[in-house]
N, C-alpha and C. Protein backbone atom coordinates (compact mmCIF):
# COMPACT_ATOMS: atom_id res chain seq x y z
N HIS A 1 3.14 -0.17 12.69
CA HIS A 1 3.78 -1.47 12.79
C HIS A 1 5.25 -1.31 12.43
N PRO A 2 6.12 -1.48 13.40
CA PRO A 2 7.54 -1.19 13.19
C PRO A 2 8.24 -2.10 12.18
N LYS A 3 7.80 -3.32 11.98
CA LYS A 3 8.47 -4.26 11.07
C LYS A 3 7.98 -4.14 9.63
N TYR A 4 7.02 -3.27 9.38
CA TYR A 4 6.41 -3.15 8.06
C TYR A 4 7.45 -2.93 6.96
N LEU A 5 8.35 -1.99 7.17
CA LEU A 5 9.34 -1.67 6.14
C LEU A 5 10.33 -2.80 5.90
N ALA A 6 10.53 -3.65 6.89
CA ALA A 6 11.42 -4.79 6.72
C ALA A 6 10.75 -5.92 5.95
N VAL A 7 9.43 -5.98 5.99
CA VAL A 7 8.68 -7.08 5.38
C VAL A 7 8.21 -6.73 3.97
N VAL A 8 7.82 -5.50 3.76
CA VAL A 8 7.22 -5.07 2.49
C VAL A 8 8.30 -4.49 1.57
N ASP A 9 8.35 -4.99 0.33
CA ASP A 9 9.36 -4.54 -0.63
C ASP A 9 9.13 -3.13 -1.14
N GLN A 10 7.87 -2.79 -1.41
CA GLN A 10 7.54 -1.49 -1.99
C GLN A 10 6.43 -0.85 -1.17
N PRO A 11 6.77 -0.14 -0.11
CA PRO A 11 5.75 0.45 0.75
C PRO A 11 4.87 1.46 0.01
N MET A 12 3.60 1.47 0.39
CA MET A 12 2.65 2.43 -0.18
C MET A 12 1.57 2.66 0.86
N ASP A 13 1.14 3.91 0.98
CA ASP A 13 0.03 4.22 1.88
C ASP A 13 -0.76 5.39 1.31
N LEU A 14 -1.89 5.67 1.93
CA LEU A 14 -2.78 6.71 1.40
C LEU A 14 -2.15 8.09 1.43
N SER A 15 -1.30 8.36 2.43
CA SER A 15 -0.67 9.68 2.46
C SER A 15 0.32 9.84 1.32
N LEU A 16 1.01 8.79 0.94
CA LEU A 16 1.91 8.85 -0.21
C LEU A 16 1.12 9.03 -1.51
N ILE A 17 -0.01 8.34 -1.61
CA ILE A 17 -0.87 8.51 -2.78
C ILE A 17 -1.37 9.96 -2.86
N MET A 18 -1.79 10.53 -1.74
CA MET A 18 -2.23 11.93 -1.74
C MET A 18 -1.10 12.87 -2.16
N GLN A 19 0.10 12.59 -1.68
CA GLN A 19 1.25 13.40 -2.07
C GLN A 19 1.48 13.32 -3.58
N LYS A 20 1.38 12.10 -4.12
CA LYS A 20 1.55 11.92 -5.56
C LYS A 20 0.46 12.64 -6.35
N ILE A 21 -0.76 12.64 -5.84
CA ILE A 21 -1.85 13.38 -6.49
C ILE A 21 -1.54 14.88 -6.48
N ASN A 22 -1.15 15.39 -5.32
CA ASN A 22 -0.85 16.82 -5.20
C ASN A 22 0.34 17.24 -6.05
N ASP A 23 1.28 16.32 -6.25
CA ASP A 23 2.47 16.59 -7.07
C ASP A 23 2.24 16.30 -8.55
N ASN A 24 1.01 15.91 -8.89
CA ASN A 24 0.68 15.54 -10.28
C ASN A 24 1.61 14.45 -10.80
N ALA A 25 1.93 13.50 -9.95
CA ALA A 25 2.85 12.43 -10.31
C ALA A 25 2.19 11.33 -11.14
N TYR A 26 0.87 11.25 -11.07
CA TYR A 26 0.17 10.24 -11.86
C TYR A 26 -0.10 10.80 -13.25
N ILE A 27 0.44 10.13 -14.26
CA ILE A 27 0.23 10.54 -15.64
C ILE A 27 -1.04 9.88 -16.19
N ARG A 28 -1.22 8.61 -15.84
CA ARG A 28 -2.37 7.85 -16.34
C ARG A 28 -3.16 7.29 -15.15
N PRO A 29 -4.47 7.14 -15.30
CA PRO A 29 -5.30 6.63 -14.19
C PRO A 29 -4.84 5.27 -13.66
N TYR A 30 -4.35 4.40 -14.54
CA TYR A 30 -3.96 3.07 -14.07
C TYR A 30 -2.80 3.14 -13.07
N GLU A 31 -1.98 4.19 -13.11
CA GLU A 31 -0.89 4.33 -12.14
C GLU A 31 -1.46 4.50 -10.73
N PHE A 32 -2.53 5.27 -10.62
CA PHE A 32 -3.22 5.44 -9.35
C PHE A 32 -3.81 4.11 -8.89
N VAL A 33 -4.46 3.42 -9.79
CA VAL A 33 -5.08 2.12 -9.47
C VAL A 33 -4.01 1.13 -9.00
N GLU A 34 -2.87 1.12 -9.66
CA GLU A 34 -1.80 0.21 -9.27
C GLU A 34 -1.31 0.50 -7.85
N ASP A 35 -1.23 1.76 -7.47
CA ASP A 35 -0.82 2.10 -6.11
C ASP A 35 -1.86 1.64 -5.09
N ILE A 36 -3.14 1.76 -5.43
CA ILE A 36 -4.19 1.26 -4.53
C ILE A 36 -4.07 -0.25 -4.38
N LYS A 37 -3.86 -0.94 -5.48
CA LYS A 37 -3.67 -2.40 -5.44
C LYS A 37 -2.45 -2.76 -4.60
N LEU A 38 -1.41 -1.95 -4.69
CA LEU A 38 -0.18 -2.21 -3.93
C LEU A 38 -0.44 -2.14 -2.43
N ILE A 39 -1.29 -1.24 -2.00
CA ILE A 39 -1.64 -1.17 -0.57
C ILE A 39 -2.25 -2.50 -0.13
N THR A 40 -3.17 -3.03 -0.93
CA THR A 40 -3.81 -4.31 -0.61
C THR A 40 -2.80 -5.44 -0.61
N LYS A 41 -1.96 -5.48 -1.63
CA LYS A 41 -0.94 -6.53 -1.72
C LYS A 41 -0.01 -6.49 -0.51
N ASN A 42 0.43 -5.30 -0.15
CA ASN A 42 1.32 -5.16 1.00
C ASN A 42 0.65 -5.61 2.29
N ALA A 43 -0.63 -5.29 2.44
CA ALA A 43 -1.36 -5.72 3.63
C ALA A 43 -1.43 -7.23 3.71
N LEU A 44 -1.66 -7.88 2.57
CA LEU A 44 -1.73 -9.34 2.55
C LEU A 44 -0.38 -9.98 2.83
N VAL A 45 0.70 -9.33 2.43
CA VAL A 45 2.04 -9.83 2.73
C VAL A 45 2.36 -9.65 4.21
N TYR A 46 2.05 -8.48 4.73
CA TYR A 46 2.42 -8.15 6.10
C TYR A 46 1.54 -8.87 7.13
N PHE A 47 0.24 -8.84 6.91
CA PHE A 47 -0.68 -9.49 7.83
C PHE A 47 -1.02 -10.87 7.29
N LYS A 48 -0.36 -11.86 7.82
CA LYS A 48 -0.56 -13.24 7.36
C LYS A 48 -1.94 -13.75 7.75
N LYS A 49 -2.38 -14.77 7.02
CA LYS A 49 -3.66 -15.41 7.32
C LYS A 49 -3.66 -15.88 8.77
N GLY A 50 -4.72 -15.59 9.48
CA GLY A 50 -4.83 -15.97 10.87
C GLY A 50 -4.51 -14.83 11.83
N ASP A 51 -3.87 -13.76 11.34
CA ASP A 51 -3.61 -12.60 12.18
C ASP A 51 -4.94 -11.96 12.57
N SER A 52 -4.96 -11.27 13.69
CA SER A 52 -6.20 -10.65 14.14
C SER A 52 -6.74 -9.64 13.13
N VAL A 53 -5.87 -8.99 12.38
CA VAL A 53 -6.32 -8.01 11.38
C VAL A 53 -7.04 -8.70 10.23
N THR A 54 -6.55 -9.85 9.79
CA THR A 54 -7.16 -10.54 8.66
C THR A 54 -8.43 -11.28 9.04
N ASN A 55 -8.66 -11.47 10.31
CA ASN A 55 -9.86 -12.19 10.75
C ASN A 55 -11.06 -11.27 10.92
N ARG A 56 -10.91 -9.99 10.68
CA ARG A 56 -12.01 -9.03 10.88
C ARG A 56 -12.86 -8.92 9.67
């Protein structure tokens, strides 16, 4: 989705999380959990209620 970076303030995806795991960037487990939550938050911001993605 080309407009994603313009809409979402703090982008996060599974490949970035994997990179952070491989780089040992997570010091505490909650940091990982927060990134997972951020993916969900970003999806809710980007895909508004009523979009075909949110209706599935």
